């Protein structure tokens, strides 16, 4: 599982699509519920919604991931 932060942006969506083409399971980190559909359509297997500065949300997002693709 690879975590992609900034997943709903132009680069994030491209990263999700590229990883899906390679059959890599991804978790998308987004800030707003309205972004869930876009990242799911791009190939995210899982989605976490929240603020990167929230330690509890960050802990949830990073559980069982082998890598993080951090887009800021």
C-alpha atoms as a PDB file:
ATOM      1  CA  UNK A   1       0.000   0.000   0.000  1.00  0.00           C
ATOM      2  CA  UNK A   2       1.322   3.416  -0.994  1.00  0.00           C
ATOM      3  CA  UNK A   3      -0.063   6.581   0.587  1.00  0.00           C
ATOM      4  CA  UNK A   4      -0.478   9.519  -1.799  1.00  0.00           C
ATOM      5  CA  UNK A   5      -0.910  12.907  -0.129  1.00  0.00           C
ATOM      6  CA  UNK A   6      -2.305  15.783  -2.151  1.00  0.00           C
ATOM      7  CA  UNK A   7      -4.073  13.067  -4.089  1.00  0.00           C
ATOM      8  CA  UNK A   8      -6.893  15.211  -5.484  1.00  0.00           C
ATOM      9  CA  UNK A   9      -4.616  17.628  -7.316  1.00  0.00           C
ATOM     10  CA  UNK A  10      -3.385  17.305 -10.889  1.00  0.00           C
ATOM     11  CA  UNK A  11      -0.165  15.512  -9.935  1.00  0.00           C
ATOM     12  CA  UNK A  12      -1.836  13.366  -7.284  1.00  0.00           C
ATOM     13  CA  UNK A  13      -4.491  12.107  -9.676  1.00  0.00           C
ATOM     14  CA  UNK A  14      -1.801  11.282 -12.246  1.00  0.00           C
ATOM     15  CA  UNK A  15       0.217   9.383  -9.627  1.00  0.00           C
ATOM     16  CA  UNK A  16      -2.853   7.392  -8.561  1.00  0.00           C
ATOM     17  CA  UNK A  17      -3.651   6.492 -12.176  1.00  0.00           C
ATOM     18  CA  UNK A  18      -0.045   5.463 -12.899  1.00  0.00           C
ATOM     19  CA  UNK A  19       0.126   3.279  -9.802  1.00  0.00           C
ATOM     20  CA  UNK A  20      -3.226   1.673 -10.624  1.00  0.00           C
ATOM     21  CA  UNK A  21      -1.919   0.766 -14.096  1.00  0.00           C
ATOM     22  CA  UNK A  22       0.903  -1.066 -12.319  1.00  0.00           C
ATOM     23  CA  UNK A  23      -1.561  -2.849  -9.994  1.00  0.00           C
ATOM     24  CA  UNK A  24      -0.192  -1.023  -6.951  1.00  0.00           C
ATOM     25  CA  UNK A  25      -2.706  -0.606  -4.141  1.00  0.00           C
ATOM     26  CA  UNK A  26      -2.986   3.029  -3.011  1.00  0.00           C
ATOM     27  CA  UNK A  27      -4.479   5.068  -0.213  1.00  0.00           C
ATOM     28  CA  UNK A  28      -5.336   8.668  -1.090  1.00  0.00           C
ATOM     29  CA  UNK A  29      -5.107  11.452   1.475  1.00  0.00           C
ATOM     30  CA  UNK A  30      -7.441  14.367   0.739  1.00  0.00           C
ATOM     31  CA  UNK A  31      -8.666  17.376   2.680  1.00  0.00           C
ATOM     32  CA  UNK A  32     -12.368  17.387   1.739  1.00  0.00           C
ATOM     33  CA  UNK A  33     -15.153  14.822   1.321  1.00  0.00           C
ATOM     34  CA  UNK A  34     -15.958  16.337  -2.085  1.00  0.00           C
ATOM     35  CA  UNK A  35     -12.622  14.983  -3.375  1.00  0.00           C
ATOM     36  CA  UNK A  36     -13.355  11.325  -2.624  1.00  0.00           C
ATOM     37  CA  UNK A  37     -15.043  10.508  -5.944  1.00  0.00           C
ATOM     38  CA  UNK A  38     -12.189  11.978  -7.992  1.00  0.00           C
ATOM     39  CA  UNK A  39      -9.481   9.964  -6.244  1.00  0.00           C
ATOM     40  CA  UNK A  40     -11.570   6.786  -6.335  1.00  0.00           C
ATOM     41  CA  UNK A  41     -12.055   7.274 -10.086  1.00  0.00           C
ATOM     42  CA  UNK A  42      -8.289   7.722 -10.456  1.00  0.00           C
ATOM     43  CA  UNK A  43      -7.685   4.372  -8.778  1.00  0.00           C
ATOM     44  CA  UNK A  44      -7.400   4.873  -5.021  1.00  0.00           C
ATOM     45  CA  UNK A  45      -8.308   1.695  -3.170  1.00  0.00           C
ATOM     46  CA  UNK A  46      -8.753   3.602   0.085  1.00  0.00           C
ATOM     47  CA  UNK A  47      -9.302   7.251   0.996  1.00  0.00           C
ATOM     48  CA  UNK A  48      -8.499   9.167   4.174  1.00  0.00           C
ATOM     49  CA  UNK A  49     -10.040  12.618   4.605  1.00  0.00           C
ATOM     50  CA  UNK A  50      -8.475  15.072   7.002  1.00  0.00           C
ATOM     51  CA  UNK A  51      -5.747  17.518   7.880  1.00  0.00           C
ATOM     52  CA  UNK A  52      -2.095  16.439   7.611  1.00  0.00           C
ATOM     53  CA  UNK A  53      -1.398  18.309  10.842  1.00  0.00           C
ATOM     54  CA  UNK A  54      -3.834  16.124  12.813  1.00  0.00           C
ATOM     55  CA  UNK A  55      -1.697  13.401  14.427  1.00  0.00           C
ATOM     56  CA  UNK A  56      -4.595  10.950  14.776  1.00  0.00           C
ATOM     57  CA  UNK A  57      -5.573  11.275  11.122  1.00  0.00           C
ATOM     58  CA  UNK A  58      -1.917  10.999  10.046  1.00  0.00           C
ATOM     59  CA  UNK A  59      -1.514   7.834  12.146  1.00  0.00           C
ATOM     60  CA  UNK A  60      -4.590   6.333  10.466  1.00  0.00           C
ATOM     61  CA  UNK A  61      -3.381   7.328   7.003  1.00  0.00           C
ATOM     62  CA  UNK A  62       0.084   5.842   7.469  1.00  0.00           C
ATOM     63  CA  UNK A  63      -0.950   2.536   9.021  1.00  0.00           C
ATOM     64  CA  UNK A  64       0.270  -0.429   6.940  1.00  0.00           C
ATOM     65  CA  UNK A  65       1.822   1.634   4.141  1.00  0.00           C
ATOM     66  CA  UNK A  66       5.194   0.741   2.657  1.00  0.00           C
ATOM     67  CA  UNK A  67       5.829   4.138   1.056  1.00  0.00           C
ATOM     68  CA  UNK A  68       4.507   7.691   0.980  1.00  0.00           C
ATOM     69  CA  UNK A  69       4.313   9.840  -2.140  1.00  0.00           C
ATOM     70  CA  UNK A  70       4.052  13.301  -0.564  1.00  0.00           C
ATOM     71  CA  UNK A  71       2.779  16.031  -2.870  1.00  0.00           C
ATOM     72  CA  UNK A  72       2.644  19.517  -1.406  1.00  0.00           C
END
